[in-house]
Structure formats: structure tokens, C-alpha cells
PDB file of N, CA and C in Angstrom:
ATOM      1  N   MET A   1      27.838  47.841  44.469  1.00  0.00           N
ATOM      2  CA  MET A   1      27.555  46.454  44.618  1.00  0.00           C
ATOM      3  C   MET A   1      26.639  45.830  43.588  1.00  0.00           C
ATOM      4  N   ARG A   2      27.044  44.724  42.950  1.00  0.00           N
ATOM      5  CA  ARG A   2      26.229  44.031  42.087  1.00  0.00           C
ATOM      6  C   ARG A   2      26.286  42.550  42.281  1.00  0.00           C
ATOM      7  N   PHE A   3      25.423  41.875  41.921  1.00  0.00           N
ATOM      8  CA  PHE A   3      25.314  40.399  42.038  1.00  0.00           C
ATOM      9  C   PHE A   3      26.473  39.616  41.255  1.00  0.00           C
ATOM     10  N   HIS A   4      27.218  38.781  41.678  1.00  0.00           N
ATOM     11  CA  HIS A   4      28.205  38.055  40.899  1.00  0.00           C
ATOM     12  C   HIS A   4      27.881  36.775  40.558  1.00  0.00           C
ATOM     13  N   HIS A   5      27.353  35.816  41.454  1.00  0.00           N
ATOM     14  CA  HIS A   5      27.141  34.441  41.104  1.00  0.00           C
ATOM     15  C   HIS A   5      26.171  33.711  42.123  1.00  0.00           C
ATOM     16  N   TYR A   6      25.758  32.669  41.575  1.00  0.00           N
ATOM     17  CA  TYR A   6      24.954  31.663  42.533  1.00  0.00           C
ATOM     18  C   TYR A   6      25.782  30.383  42.619  1.00  0.00           C
ATOM     19  N   ALA A   7      25.945  29.799  43.825  1.00  0.00           N
ATOM     20  CA  ALA A   7      26.719  28.591  43.984  1.00  0.00           C
ATOM     21  C   ALA A   7      25.929  27.508  44.249  1.00  0.00           C
ATOM     22  N   LEU A   8      26.321  26.250  43.838  1.00  0.00           N
ATOM     23  CA  LEU A   8      25.686  24.932  44.199  1.00  0.00           C
ATOM     24  C   LEU A   8      26.873  23.991  44.511  1.00  0.00           C
ATOM     25  N   GLU A   9      26.586  23.218  45.551  1.00  0.00           N
ATOM     26  CA  GLU A   9      27.619  22.141  45.926  1.00  0.00           C
ATOM     27  C   GLU A   9      27.016  20.968  45.125  1.00  0.00           C
ATOM     28  N   VAL A  10      27.820  20.238  44.325  1.00  0.00           N
ATOM     29  CA  VAL A  10      27.424  19.059  43.527  1.00  0.00           C
ATOM     30  C   VAL A  10      28.081  17.917  43.907  1.00  0.00           C
ATOM     31  N   LYS A  11      27.685  16.659  43.669  1.00  0.00           N
ATOM     32  CA  LYS A  11      28.296  15.424  43.931  1.00  0.00           C
ATOM     33  C   LYS A  11      29.239  15.063  42.716  1.00  0.00           C
ATOM     34  N   ASN A  12      28.706  15.240  41.490  1.00  0.00           N
ATOM     35  CA  ASN A  12      29.433  14.947  40.340  1.00  0.00           C
ATOM     36  C   ASN A  12      29.458  16.171  39.400  1.00  0.00           C
ATOM     37  N   ILE A  13      30.509  16.959  39.366  1.00  0.00           N
ATOM     38  CA  ILE A  13      30.833  18.100  38.724  1.00  0.00           C
ATOM     39  C   ILE A  13      30.657  18.047  37.267  1.00  0.00           C
ATOM     40  N   GLU A  14      31.169  16.972  36.599  1.00  0.00           N
ATOM     41  CA  GLU A  14      31.034  16.828  35.089  1.00  0.00           C
ATOM     42  C   GLU A  14      29.582  16.533  34.693  1.00  0.00           C
ATOM     43  N   GLU A  15      28.898  15.837  35.514  1.00  0.00           N
ATOM     44  CA  GLU A  15      27.410  15.619  35.276  1.00  0.00           C
ATOM     45  C   GLU A  15      26.634  17.011  35.340  1.00  0.00           C
ATOM     46  N   ALA A  16      27.069  17.788  36.341  1.00  0.00           N
ATOM     47  CA  ALA A  16      26.260  19.125  36.529  1.00  0.00           C
ATOM     48  C   ALA A  16      26.645  19.966  35.435  1.00  0.00           C
ATOM     49  N   ILE A  17      27.818  20.054  35.004  1.00  0.00           N
ATOM     50  CA  ILE A  17      28.328  20.966  33.869  1.00  0.00           C
ATOM     51  C   ILE A  17      27.502  20.523  32.647  1.00  0.00           C
ATOM     52  N   SER A  18      27.364  19.253  32.292  1.00  0.00           N
ATOM     53  CA  SER A  18      26.779  18.729  31.159  1.00  0.00           C
ATOM     54  C   SER A  18      25.247  19.034  31.127  1.00  0.00           C
ATOM     55  N   PHE A  19      24.679  18.852  32.233  1.00  0.00           N
ATOM     56  CA  PHE A  19      23.154  19.226  32.509  1.00  0.00           C
ATOM     57  C   PHE A  19      23.050  20.618  32.258  1.00  0.00           C
ATOM     58  N   TYR A  20      23.736  21.700  32.895  1.00  0.00           N
ATOM     59  CA  TYR A  20      23.561  23.023  32.826  1.00  0.00           C
ATOM     60  C   TYR A  20      23.728  23.525  31.343  1.00  0.00           C
ATOM     61  N   LYS A  21      24.812  22.916  30.619  1.00  0.00           N
ATOM     62  CA  LYS A  21      25.115  23.164  29.357  1.00  0.00           C
ATOM     63  C   LYS A  21      23.976  22.770  28.408  1.00  0.00           C
ATOM     64  N   ARG A  22      23.478  21.605  28.532  1.00  0.00           N
ATOM     65  CA  ARG A  22      22.639  21.004  27.664  1.00  0.00           C
ATOM     66  C   ARG A  22      21.181  21.638  27.802  1.00  0.00           C
ATOM     67  N   TYR A  23      20.759  21.785  28.923  1.00  0.00           N
ATOM     68  CA  TYR A  23      19.243  22.200  29.100  1.00  0.00           C
ATOM     69  C   TYR A  23      19.147  23.774  29.260  1.00  0.00           C
ATOM     70  N   LEU A  24      20.234  24.363  29.611  1.00  0.00           N
ATOM     71  CA  LEU A  24      20.099  25.897  29.796  1.00  0.00           C
ATOM     72  C   LEU A  24      20.869  26.748  29.002  1.00  0.00           C
ATOM     73  N   GLY A  25      21.908  25.992  28.280  1.00  0.00           N
ATOM     74  CA  GLY A  25      22.753  26.789  27.320  1.00  0.00           C
ATOM     75  C   GLY A  25      23.954  27.750  28.176  1.00  0.00           C
ATOM     76  N   PHE A  26      24.340  27.174  29.417  1.00  0.00           N
ATOM     77  CA  PHE A  26      25.433  27.653  30.009  1.00  0.00           C
ATOM     78  C   PHE A  26      26.769  27.417  29.228  1.00  0.00           C
ATOM     79  N   GLN A  27      27.635  28.141  29.258  1.00  0.00           N
ATOM     80  CA  GLN A  27      29.155  28.001  28.728  1.00  0.00           C
ATOM     81  C   GLN A  27      29.977  27.964  29.921  1.00  0.00           C
ATOM     82  N   GLU A  28      31.163  27.070  29.857  1.00  0.00           N
ATOM     83  CA  GLU A  28      32.118  27.115  30.914  1.00  0.00           C
ATOM     84  C   GLU A  28      33.122  28.259  30.766  1.00  0.00           C
ATOM     85  N   GLU A  29      33.248  29.120  31.944  1.00  0.00           N
ATOM     86  CA  GLU A  29      33.921  30.183  31.990  1.00  0.00           C
ATOM     87  C   GLU A  29      35.377  30.033  32.508  1.00  0.00           C
ATOM     88  N   ASN A  30      35.303  29.146  33.759  1.00  0.00           N
ATOM     89  CA  ASN A  30      36.702  29.142  34.447  1.00  0.00           C
ATOM     90  C   ASN A  30      36.536  27.904  35.297  1.00  0.00           C
ATOM     91  N   ARG A  31      37.782  27.236  35.525  1.00  0.00           N
ATOM     92  CA  ARG A  31      37.918  25.975  36.340  1.00  0.00           C
ATOM     93  C   ARG A  31      39.123  26.192  37.226  1.00  0.00           C
ATOM     94  N   MET A  32      39.033  25.713  38.504  1.00  0.00           N
ATOM     95  CA  MET A  32      40.006  25.893  39.458  1.00  0.00           C
ATOM     96  C   MET A  32      39.935  24.966  40.571  1.00  0.00           C
ATOM     97  N   LEU A  33      40.890  24.744  41.297  1.00  0.00           N
ATOM     98  CA  LEU A  33      41.017  23.947  42.539  1.00  0.00           C
ATOM     99  C   LEU A  33      41.321  24.890  43.575  1.00  0.00           C
ATOM    100  N   PHE A  34      40.586  24.793  44.780  1.00  0.00           N
ATOM    101  CA  PHE A  34      40.749  25.611  45.860  1.00  0.00           C
ATOM    102  C   PHE A  34      40.528  24.836  47.119  1.00  0.00           C
ATOM    103  N   MET A  35      41.480  24.581  47.893  1.00  0.00           N
ATOM    104  CA  MET A  35      41.490  23.872  49.185  1.00  0.00           C
ATOM    105  C   MET A  35      40.609  22.522  48.866  1.00  0.00           C
ATOM    106  N   GLU A  36      41.277  21.698  48.028  1.00  0.00           N
ATOM    107  CA  GLU A  36      40.711  20.257  47.666  1.00  0.00           C
ATOM    108  C   GLU A  36      39.254  20.256  47.177  1.00  0.00           C
ATOM    109  N   GLU A  37      38.801  21.431  46.734  1.00  0.00           N
ATOM    110  CA  GLU A  37      37.455  21.643  46.073  1.00  0.00           C
ATOM    111  C   GLU A  37      37.631  21.904  44.653  1.00  0.00           C
ATOM    112  N   GLU A  38      36.938  21.287  43.713  1.00  0.00           N
ATOM    113  CA  GLU A  38      36.883  21.544  42.187  1.00  0.00           C
ATOM    114  C   GLU A  38      35.845  22.613  42.120  1.00  0.00           C
ATOM    115  N   ILE A  39      36.241  23.616  41.446  1.00  0.00           N
ATOM    116  CA  ILE A  39      35.116  24.758  41.279  1.00  0.00           C
ATOM    117  C   ILE A  39      35.039  25.215  39.793  1.00  0.00           C
ATOM    118  N   VAL A  40      33.906  25.074  39.151  1.00  0.00           N
ATOM    119  CA  VAL A  40      33.702  25.461  37.810  1.00  0.00           C
ATOM    120  C   VAL A  40      32.658  26.607  37.715  1.00  0.00           C
ATOM    121  N   PHE A  41      33.021  27.717  37.130  1.00  0.00           N
ATOM    122  CA  PHE A  41      32.061  28.881  36.766  1.00  0.00           C
ATOM    123  C   PHE A  41      31.381  28.622  35.613  1.00  0.00           C
ATOM    124  N   LEU A  42      30.124  28.532  35.351  1.00  0.00           N
ATOM    125  CA  LEU A  42      29.452  28.606  34.115  1.00  0.00           C
ATOM    126  C   LEU A  42      28.766  29.882  33.966  1.00  0.00           C
ATOM    127  N   VAL A  43      28.627  30.342  32.682  1.00  0.00           N
ATOM    128  CA  VAL A  43      27.951  31.635  32.381  1.00  0.00           C
ATOM    129  C   VAL A  43      26.886  31.517  31.404  1.00  0.00           C
ATOM    130  N   MET A  44      25.828  32.401  31.469  1.00  0.00           N
ATOM    131  CA  MET A  44      24.795  32.461  30.437  1.00  0.00           C
ATOM    132  C   MET A  44      24.569  33.969  30.514  1.00  0.00           C
ATOM    133  N   GLY A  45      25.021  34.691  29.447  1.00  0.00           N
ATOM    134  CA  GLY A  45      24.600  36.131  29.592  1.00  0.00           C
ATOM    135  C   GLY A  45      25.468  36.713  30.679  1.00  0.00           C
ATOM    136  N   ASP A  46      24.781  37.574  31.497  1.00  0.00           N
ATOM    137  CA  ASP A  46      25.307  38.166  32.701  1.00  0.00           C
ATOM    138  C   ASP A  46      25.199  37.354  34.034  1.00  0.00           C
ATOM    139  N   PHE A  47      24.609  36.081  33.887  1.00  0.00           N
ATOM    140  CA  PHE A  47      24.336  35.328  34.847  1.00  0.00           C
ATOM    141  C   PHE A  47      25.486  34.109  35.140  1.00  0.00           C
ATOM    142  N   ARG A  48      26.017  34.121  36.259  1.00  0.00           N
ATOM    143  CA  ARG A  48      27.209  33.287  36.644  1.00  0.00           C
ATOM    144  C   ARG A  48      26.785  32.254  37.630  1.00  0.00           C
ATOM    145  N   LEU A  49      26.957  30.915  37.381  1.00  0.00           N
ATOM    146  CA  LEU A  49      26.783  29.793  38.248  1.00  0.00           C
ATOM    147  C   LEU A  49      28.039  28.961  38.547  1.00  0.00           C
ATOM    148  N   GLU A  50      28.207  29.061  39.958  1.00  0.00           N
ATOM    149  CA  GLU A  50      29.361  28.382  40.537  1.00  0.00           C
ATOM    150  C   GLU A  50      29.087  26.940  40.926  1.00  0.00           C
ATOM    151  N   LEU A  51      29.811  25.968  40.425  1.00  0.00           N
ATOM    152  CA  LEU A  51      29.505  24.572  40.737  1.00  0.00           C
ATOM    153  C   LEU A  51      30.869  24.204  41.514  1.00  0.00           C
ATOM    154  N   ILE A  52      30.532  23.574  42.906  1.00  0.00           N
ATOM    155  CA  ILE A  52      31.579  23.321  43.700  1.00  0.00           C
ATOM    156  C   ILE A  52      31.517  21.744  44.060  1.00  0.00           C
ATOM    157  N   SER A  53      32.478  21.061  43.943  1.00  0.00           N
ATOM    158  CA  SER A  53      32.648  19.666  44.109  1.00  0.00           C
ATOM    159  C   SER A  53      33.956  19.374  44.983  1.00  0.00           C
ATOM    160  N   GLY A  54      33.798  18.465  46.043  1.00  0.00           N
ATOM    161  CA  GLY A  54      34.952  17.971  46.826  1.00  0.00           C
ATOM    162  C   GLY A  54      34.345  17.706  48.081  1.00  0.00           C
ATOM    163  N   ARG A  55      33.422  18.359  48.595  1.00  0.00           N
ATOM    164  CA  ARG A  55      32.897  18.134  49.882  1.00  0.00           C
ATOM    165  C   ARG A  55      31.620  17.231  49.580  1.00  0.00           C
ATOM    166  N   GLN A  56      31.138  16.581  50.552  1.00  0.00           N
ATOM    167  CA  GLN A  56      29.810  15.896  50.400  1.00  0.00           C
ATOM    168  C   GLN A  56      28.749  16.842  50.246  1.00  0.00           C
ATOM    169  N   ALA A  57      28.057  16.713  49.099  1.00  0.00           N
ATOM    170  CA  ALA A  57      26.888  17.709  48.855  1.00  0.00           C
ATOM    171  C   ALA A  57      25.820  17.519  50.021  1.00  0.00           C
ATOM    172  N   VAL A  58      25.290  18.696  50.320  1.00  0.00           N
ATOM    173  CA  VAL A  58      24.285  18.654  51.300  1.00  0.00           C
ATOM    174  C   VAL A  58      22.758  18.629  50.712  1.00  0.00           C
ATOM    175  N   GLU A  59      21.890  18.195  51.415  1.00  0.00           N
ATOM    176  CA  GLU A  59      20.383  18.281  50.816  1.00  0.00           C
ATOM    177  C   GLU A  59      20.185  19.758  50.465  1.00  0.00           C
ATOM    178  N   GLN A  60      19.749  20.032  49.215  1.00  0.00           N
ATOM    179  CA  GLN A  60      19.453  21.242  48.759  1.00  0.00           C
ATOM    180  C   GLN A  60      18.239  21.993  49.498  1.00  0.00           C
ATOM    181  N   MET A  61      18.408  22.999  50.157  1.00  0.00           N
ATOM    182  CA  MET A  61      17.235  23.646  50.962  1.00  0.00           C
ATOM    183  C   MET A  61      16.643  24.960  50.062  1.00  0.00           C
ATOM    184  N   ALA A  62      17.542  25.409  49.141  1.00  0.00           N
ATOM    185  CA  ALA A  62      17.176  26.614  48.330  1.00  0.00           C
ATOM    186  C   ALA A  62      16.886  26.232  46.893  1.00  0.00           C
ATOM    187  N   HIS A  63      16.517  27.207  46.150  1.00  0.00           N
ATOM    188  CA  HIS A  63      16.205  26.870  44.798  1.00  0.00           C
ATOM    189  C   HIS A  63      16.744  28.069  43.917  1.00  0.00           C
ATOM    190  N   ILE A  64      16.961  27.767  42.582  1.00  0.00           N
ATOM    191  CA  ILE A  64      17.362  28.801  41.556  1.00  0.00           C
ATOM    192  C   ILE A  64      16.194  29.027  40.724  1.00  0.00           C
ATOM    193  N   CYS A  65      15.915  30.092  40.267  1.00  0.00           N
ATOM    194  CA  CYS A  65      14.921  30.547  39.411  1.00  0.00           C
ATOM    195  C   CYS A  65      15.344  31.319  38.194  1.00  0.00           C
ATOM    196  N   PHE A  66      14.720  30.913  37.093  1.00  0.00           N
ATOM    197  CA  PHE A  66      15.137  31.541  35.924  1.00  0.00           C
ATOM    198  C   PHE A  66      13.779  32.071  35.361  1.00  0.00           C
ATOM    199  N   GLU A  67      13.755  33.284  34.916  1.00  0.00           N
ATOM    200  CA  GLU A  67      12.490  33.856  34.297  1.00  0.00           C
ATOM    201  C   GLU A  67      12.582  33.553  32.775  1.00  0.00           C
ATOM    202  N   VAL A  68      11.623  33.041  32.208  1.00  0.00           N
ATOM    203  CA  VAL A  68      11.532  32.632  30.758  1.00  0.00           C
ATOM    204  C   VAL A  68      10.368  33.277  30.168  1.00  0.00           C
ATOM    205  N   SER A  69      10.448  33.477  28.653  1.00  0.00           N
ATOM    206  CA  SER A  69       9.313  34.012  28.072  1.00  0.00           C
ATOM    207  C   SER A  69       8.218  33.005  27.709  1.00  0.00           C
ATOM    208  N   SER A  70       8.509  31.591  27.570  1.00  0.00           N
ATOM    209  CA  SER A  70       7.537  30.560  27.415  1.00  0.00           C
ATOM    210  C   SER A  70       7.794  29.447  28.254  1.00  0.00           C
ATOM    211  N   LEU A  71       6.820  29.180  29.244  1.00  0.00           N
ATOM    212  CA  LEU A  71       7.009  28.030  29.957  1.00  0.00           C
ATOM    213  C   LEU A  71       6.773  26.623  29.275  1.00  0.00           C
ATOM    214  N   CYS A  72       5.863  26.792  28.255  1.00  0.00           N
ATOM    215  CA  CYS A  72       5.665  25.554  27.325  1.00  0.00           C
ATOM    216  C   CYS A  72       7.017  25.155  26.720  1.00  0.00           C
ATOM    217  N   GLU A  73       7.807  26.108  26.147  1.00  0.00           N
ATOM    218  CA  GLU A  73       9.012  25.815  25.654  1.00  0.00           C
ATOM    219  C   GLU A  73      10.035  25.055  26.591  1.00  0.00           C
ATOM    220  N   VAL A  74      10.013  25.608  27.859  1.00  0.00           N
ATOM    221  CA  VAL A  74      10.992  24.990  28.808  1.00  0.00           C
ATOM    222  C   VAL A  74      10.493  23.542  29.158  1.00  0.00           C
ATOM    223  N   MET A  75       9.179  23.452  29.376  1.00  0.00           N
ATOM    224  CA  MET A  75       8.595  21.958  29.498  1.00  0.00           C
ATOM    225  C   MET A  75       8.860  21.021  28.442  1.00  0.00           C
ATOM    226  N   ASP A  76       8.804  21.511  27.261  1.00  0.00           N
ATOM    227  CA  ASP A  76       9.156  20.568  26.135  1.00  0.00           C
ATOM    228  C   ASP A  76      10.634  20.306  25.992  1.00  0.00           C
ATOM    229  N   ARG A  77      11.491  21.331  26.334  1.00  0.00           N
ATOM    230  CA  ARG A  77      12.943  20.948  26.439  1.00  0.00           C
ATOM    231  C   ARG A  77      13.419  20.221  27.707  1.00  0.00           C
ATOM    232  N   PHE A  78      12.621  20.251  28.781  1.00  0.00           N
ATOM    233  CA  PHE A  78      12.945  19.424  29.951  1.00  0.00           C
ATOM    234  C   PHE A  78      12.049  18.132  30.034  1.00  0.00           C
ATOM    235  N   ALA A  79      11.558  17.628  28.945  1.00  0.00           N
ATOM    236  CA  ALA A  79      10.681  16.600  28.856  1.00  0.00           C
ATOM    237  C   ALA A  79      11.144  15.325  29.568  1.00  0.00           C
ATOM    238  N   ASP A  80      12.463  15.053  29.477  1.00  0.00           N
ATOM    239  CA  ASP A  80      13.172  13.852  30.122  1.00  0.00           C
ATOM    240  C   ASP A  80      13.784  14.185  31.483  1.00  0.00           C
ATOM    241  N   VAL A  81      13.512  15.295  31.976  1.00  0.00           N
ATOM    242  CA  VAL A  81      13.975  15.604  33.301  1.00  0.00           C
ATOM    243  C   VAL A  81      12.833  15.567  34.389  1.00  0.00           C
ATOM    244  N   ARG A  82      13.253  15.002  35.555  1.00  0.00           N
ATOM    245  CA  ARG A  82      12.204  14.818  36.583  1.00  0.00           C
ATOM    246  C   ARG A  82      11.543  16.204  37.081  1.00  0.00           C
ATOM    247  N   LYS A  83      10.311  16.348  36.914  1.00  0.00           N
ATOM    248  CA  LYS A  83       9.457  17.482  37.178  1.00  0.00           C
ATOM    249  C   LYS A  83       9.032  17.332  38.496  1.00  0.00           C
ATOM    250  N   ILE A  84       9.291  18.271  39.589  1.00  0.00           N
ATOM    251  CA  ILE A  84       8.958  18.127  40.870  1.00  0.00           C
ATOM    252  C   ILE A  84       7.567  18.450  41.079  1.00  0.00           C
ATOM    253  N   GLU A  85       7.038  19.741  40.503  1.00  0.00           N
ATOM    254  CA  GLU A  85       5.733  20.134  40.664  1.00  0.00           C
ATOM    255  C   GLU A  85       5.384  21.230  39.646  1.00  0.00           C
ATOM    256  N   GLY A  86       4.093  21.459  39.402  1.00  0.00           N
ATOM    257  CA  GLY A  86       3.577  22.453  38.295  1.00  0.00           C
ATOM    258  C   GLY A  86       3.422  21.712  37.194  1.00  0.00           C
ATOM    259  N   PRO A  87       2.987  22.667  36.128  1.00  0.00           N
ATOM    260  CA  PRO A  87       3.013  24.022  36.174  1.00  0.00           C
ATOM    261  C   PRO A  87       1.683  24.449  36.971  1.00  0.00           C
ATOM    262  N   TYR A  88       2.113  25.750  37.604  1.00  0.00           N
ATOM    263  CA  TYR A  88       1.042  26.321  38.327  1.00  0.00           C
ATOM    264  C   TYR A  88       0.818  27.797  37.801  1.00  0.00           C
ATOM    265  N   GLU A  89      -0.367  28.252  37.832  1.00  0.00           N
ATOM    266  CA  GLU A  89      -0.675  29.663  37.589  1.00  0.00           C
ATOM    267  C   GLU A  89      -0.864  30.289  38.898  1.00  0.00           C
ATOM    268  N   LEU A  90      -0.085  31.292  39.268  1.00  0.00           N
ATOM    269  CA  LEU A  90      -0.196  31.954  40.443  1.00  0.00           C
ATOM    270  C   LEU A  90      -1.283  33.004  40.559  1.00  0.00           C
ATOM    271  N   ASP A  91      -1.629  33.629  41.613  1.00  0.00           N
ATOM    272  CA  ASP A  91      -2.685  34.583  41.753  1.00  0.00           C
ATOM    273  C   ASP A  91      -2.449  35.882  40.795  1.00  0.00           C
ATOM    274  N   ASN A  92      -1.062  36.180  40.692  1.00  0.00           N
ATOM    275  CA  ASN A  92      -0.826  37.329  40.045  1.00  0.00           C
ATOM    276  C   ASN A  92      -0.756  37.043  38.574  1.00  0.00           C
ATOM    277  N   GLY A  93      -1.093  35.880  38.165  1.00  0.00           N
ATOM    278  CA  GLY A  93      -1.034  35.565  36.674  1.00  0.00           C
ATOM    279  C   GLY A  93       0.355  35.152  36.145  1.00  0.00           C
ATOM    280  N   TRP A  94       1.299  34.929  37.077  1.00  0.00           N
ATOM    281  CA  TRP A  94       2.442  34.294  36.659  1.00  0.00           C
ATOM    282  C   TRP A  94       2.474  32.798  36.627  1.00  0.00           C
ATOM    283  N   ASN A  95       3.247  32.109  35.828  1.00  0.00           N
ATOM    284  CA  ASN A  95       3.166  30.696  35.681  1.00  0.00           C
ATOM    285  C   ASN A  95       4.589  30.234  35.969  1.00  0.00           C
ATOM    286  N   THR A  96       4.527  29.101  36.844  1.00  0.00           N
ATOM    287  CA  THR A  96       5.777  28.535  37.114  1.00  0.00           C
ATOM    288  C   THR A  96       5.771  26.951  37.128  1.00  0.00           C
ATOM    289  N   VAL A  97       6.975  26.402  37.131  1.00  0.00           N
ATOM    290  CA  VAL A  97       7.182  24.876  37.059  1.00  0.00           C
ATOM    291  C   VAL A  97       8.502  24.562  37.717  1.00  0.00           C
ATOM    292  N   PHE A  98       8.580  23.505  38.454  1.00  0.00           N
ATOM    293  CA  PHE A  98       9.807  23.122  39.100  1.00  0.00           C
ATOM    294  C   PHE A  98      10.486  21.816  38.634  1.00  0.00           C
ATOM    295  N   TYR A  99      11.704  21.878  38.290  1.00  0.00           N
ATOM    296  CA  TYR A  99      12.370  20.641  38.057  1.00  0.00           C
ATOM    297  C   TYR A  99      13.423  20.198  38.939  1.00  0.00           C
ATOM    298  N   GLU A 100      13.988  18.993  38.917  1.00  0.00           N
ATOM    299  CA  GLU A 100      15.202  18.595  39.711  1.00  0.00           C
ATOM    300  C   GLU A 100      16.293  18.500  39.001  1.00  0.00           C
ATOM    301  N   GLY A 101      17.483  19.094  39.415  1.00  0.00           N
ATOM    302  CA  GLY A 101      18.685  19.202  38.659  1.00  0.00           C
ATOM    303  C   GLY A 101      19.344  17.715  38.971  1.00  0.00           C
ATOM    304  N   PRO A 102      20.699  17.582  38.382  1.00  0.00           N
ATOM    305  CA  PRO A 102      21.354  16.305  38.659  1.00  0.00           C
ATOM    306  C   PRO A 102      21.779  16.048  39.961  1.00  0.00           C
ATOM    307  N   ASN A 103      21.772  17.046  40.833  1.00  0.00           N
ATOM    308  CA  ASN A 103      22.343  16.831  42.199  1.00  0.00           C
ATOM    309  C   ASN A 103      21.255  17.117  43.201  1.00  0.00           C
ATOM    310  N   ARG A 104      20.019  16.962  42.733  1.00  0.00           N
ATOM    311  CA  ARG A 104      18.649  17.105  43.524  1.00  0.00           C
ATOM    312  C   ARG A 104      18.501  18.768  43.833  1.00  0.00           C
ATOM    313  N   GLU A 105      19.122  19.572  43.093  1.00  0.00           N
ATOM    314  CA  GLU A 105      18.856  21.122  43.226  1.00  0.00           C
ATOM    315  C   GLU A 105      17.592  21.299  42.639  1.00  0.00           C
ATOM    316  N   ILE A 106      16.799  22.280  43.123  1.00  0.00           N
ATOM    317  CA  ILE A 106      15.584  22.549  42.622  1.00  0.00           C
ATOM    318  C   ILE A 106      15.649  23.808  41.731  1.00  0.00           C
ATOM    319  N   ILE A 107      15.071  23.742  40.457  1.00  0.00           N
ATOM    320  CA  ILE A 107      15.278  24.682  39.413  1.00  0.00           C
ATOM    321  C   ILE A 107      13.841  25.022  39.127  1.00  0.00           C
ATOM    322  N   GLU A 108      13.707  26.295  39.443  1.00  0.00           N
ATOM    323  CA  GLU A 108      12.243  26.939  39.067  1.00  0.00           C
ATOM    324  C   GLU A 108      12.424  27.682  37.746  1.00  0.00           C
ATOM    325  N   PHE A 109      11.304  27.688  36.901  1.00  0.00           N
ATOM    326  CA  PHE A 109      11.175  28.588  35.829  1.00  0.00           C
ATOM    327  C   PHE A 109       9.936  29.278  35.840  1.00  0.00           C
ATOM    328  N   LEU A 110       9.871  30.588  35.678  1.00  0.00           N
ATOM    329  CA  LEU A 110       8.909  31.483  35.908  1.00  0.00           C
ATOM    330  C   LEU A 110       8.612  32.414  34.641  1.00  0.00           C
ATOM    331  N   GLN A 111       7.378  32.233  34.229  1.00  0.00           N
ATOM    332  CA  GLN A 111       6.874  33.144  33.125  1.00  0.00           C
ATOM    333  C   GLN A 111       5.927  34.288  33.622  1.00  0.00           C
ATOM    334  N   THR A 112       6.480  35.371  33.552  1.00  0.00           N
ATOM    335  CA  THR A 112       5.756  36.540  34.244  1.00  0.00           C
ATOM    336  C   THR A 112       4.767  37.227  33.314  1.00  0.00           C
ATOM    337  N   LYS A 113       4.893  37.110  32.103  1.00  0.00           N
ATOM    338  CA  LYS A 113       4.166  37.792  31.033  1.00  0.00           C
ATOM    339  C   LYS A 113       3.486  36.596  30.099  1.00  0.00           C
ATOM    340  N   PRO A 114       2.216  36.928  29.708  1.00  0.00           N
ATOM    341  CA  PRO A 114       1.461  35.882  28.828  1.00  0.00           C
ATOM    342  C   PRO A 114       2.151  35.617  27.481  1.00  0.00           C
ATOM    343  N   ASN A 115       2.173  34.485  26.878  1.00  0.00           N
ATOM    344  CA  ASN A 115       2.435  34.173  25.613  1.00  0.00           C
ATOM    345  C   ASN A 115       2.042  35.210  24.633  1.00  0.00           C
ATOM    346  N   THR A 116       2.861  35.788  23.722  1.00  0.00           N
ATOM    347  CA  THR A 116       2.370  36.800  22.582  1.00  0.00           C
ATOM    348  C   THR A 116       2.510  36.085  21.270  1.00  0.00           C
TER     349      THR A 116
END
């Protein structure tokens, strides 16, 4: 068994696609309609993100986290995106920051190693 994808329900699928392409470098892999829902798979390396539109999006209770090599570079790239909280240095030396995606999803960036 291996991980295949993470899914988010979104209100505006085109806005979500644009956001994840622009800020995170995702590429569109596949588009389909299934039971009146529009589904788009985005990929970045081995990671796959499924965006689902067609039902009313619910309040996001989970978050998605990306490990990065430089939190400063992420914060520069996301300068015009709403930051929810952080950056924080955790007790174990990791650094983290949280942003809000276009559908109010929470996106965490985590730097586990110091800048070299």
C-alpha cells in the first residue's frame, strides 16, 4: 500500500487550480466529472492533490503540510496570501508557518532542518 492523494472540496475549482499552480508549482494531471462533481488532480513530483467541486464546500477542519528547505523563501513567495499564524520555532527546532488557501483551507509549511 502507498499514499495516492490528498483531497480538498473547493467552491471555485478554477481559482483553486490557479492558486496551487502559481504558489506551489503543481501541474494539472487529470480532469473528470463524477456524479455531478468536477474533479481535478494536480501533481507535484510524487504528490497528488485532488480538488473536488460541485457540492457546497464545508469548513476545513484539517490542514495540508509541505516540508520545505527554506521557510523564508516560502514567506517571500506567499507575501500576498493571508497568513494565519507563525512563523513559529517549535521545541524540537523545526520552524512552521500557516497560510489560508483560496477555499479557506489551511496550508502549513514546515522547515525541519536549519538553513545551510
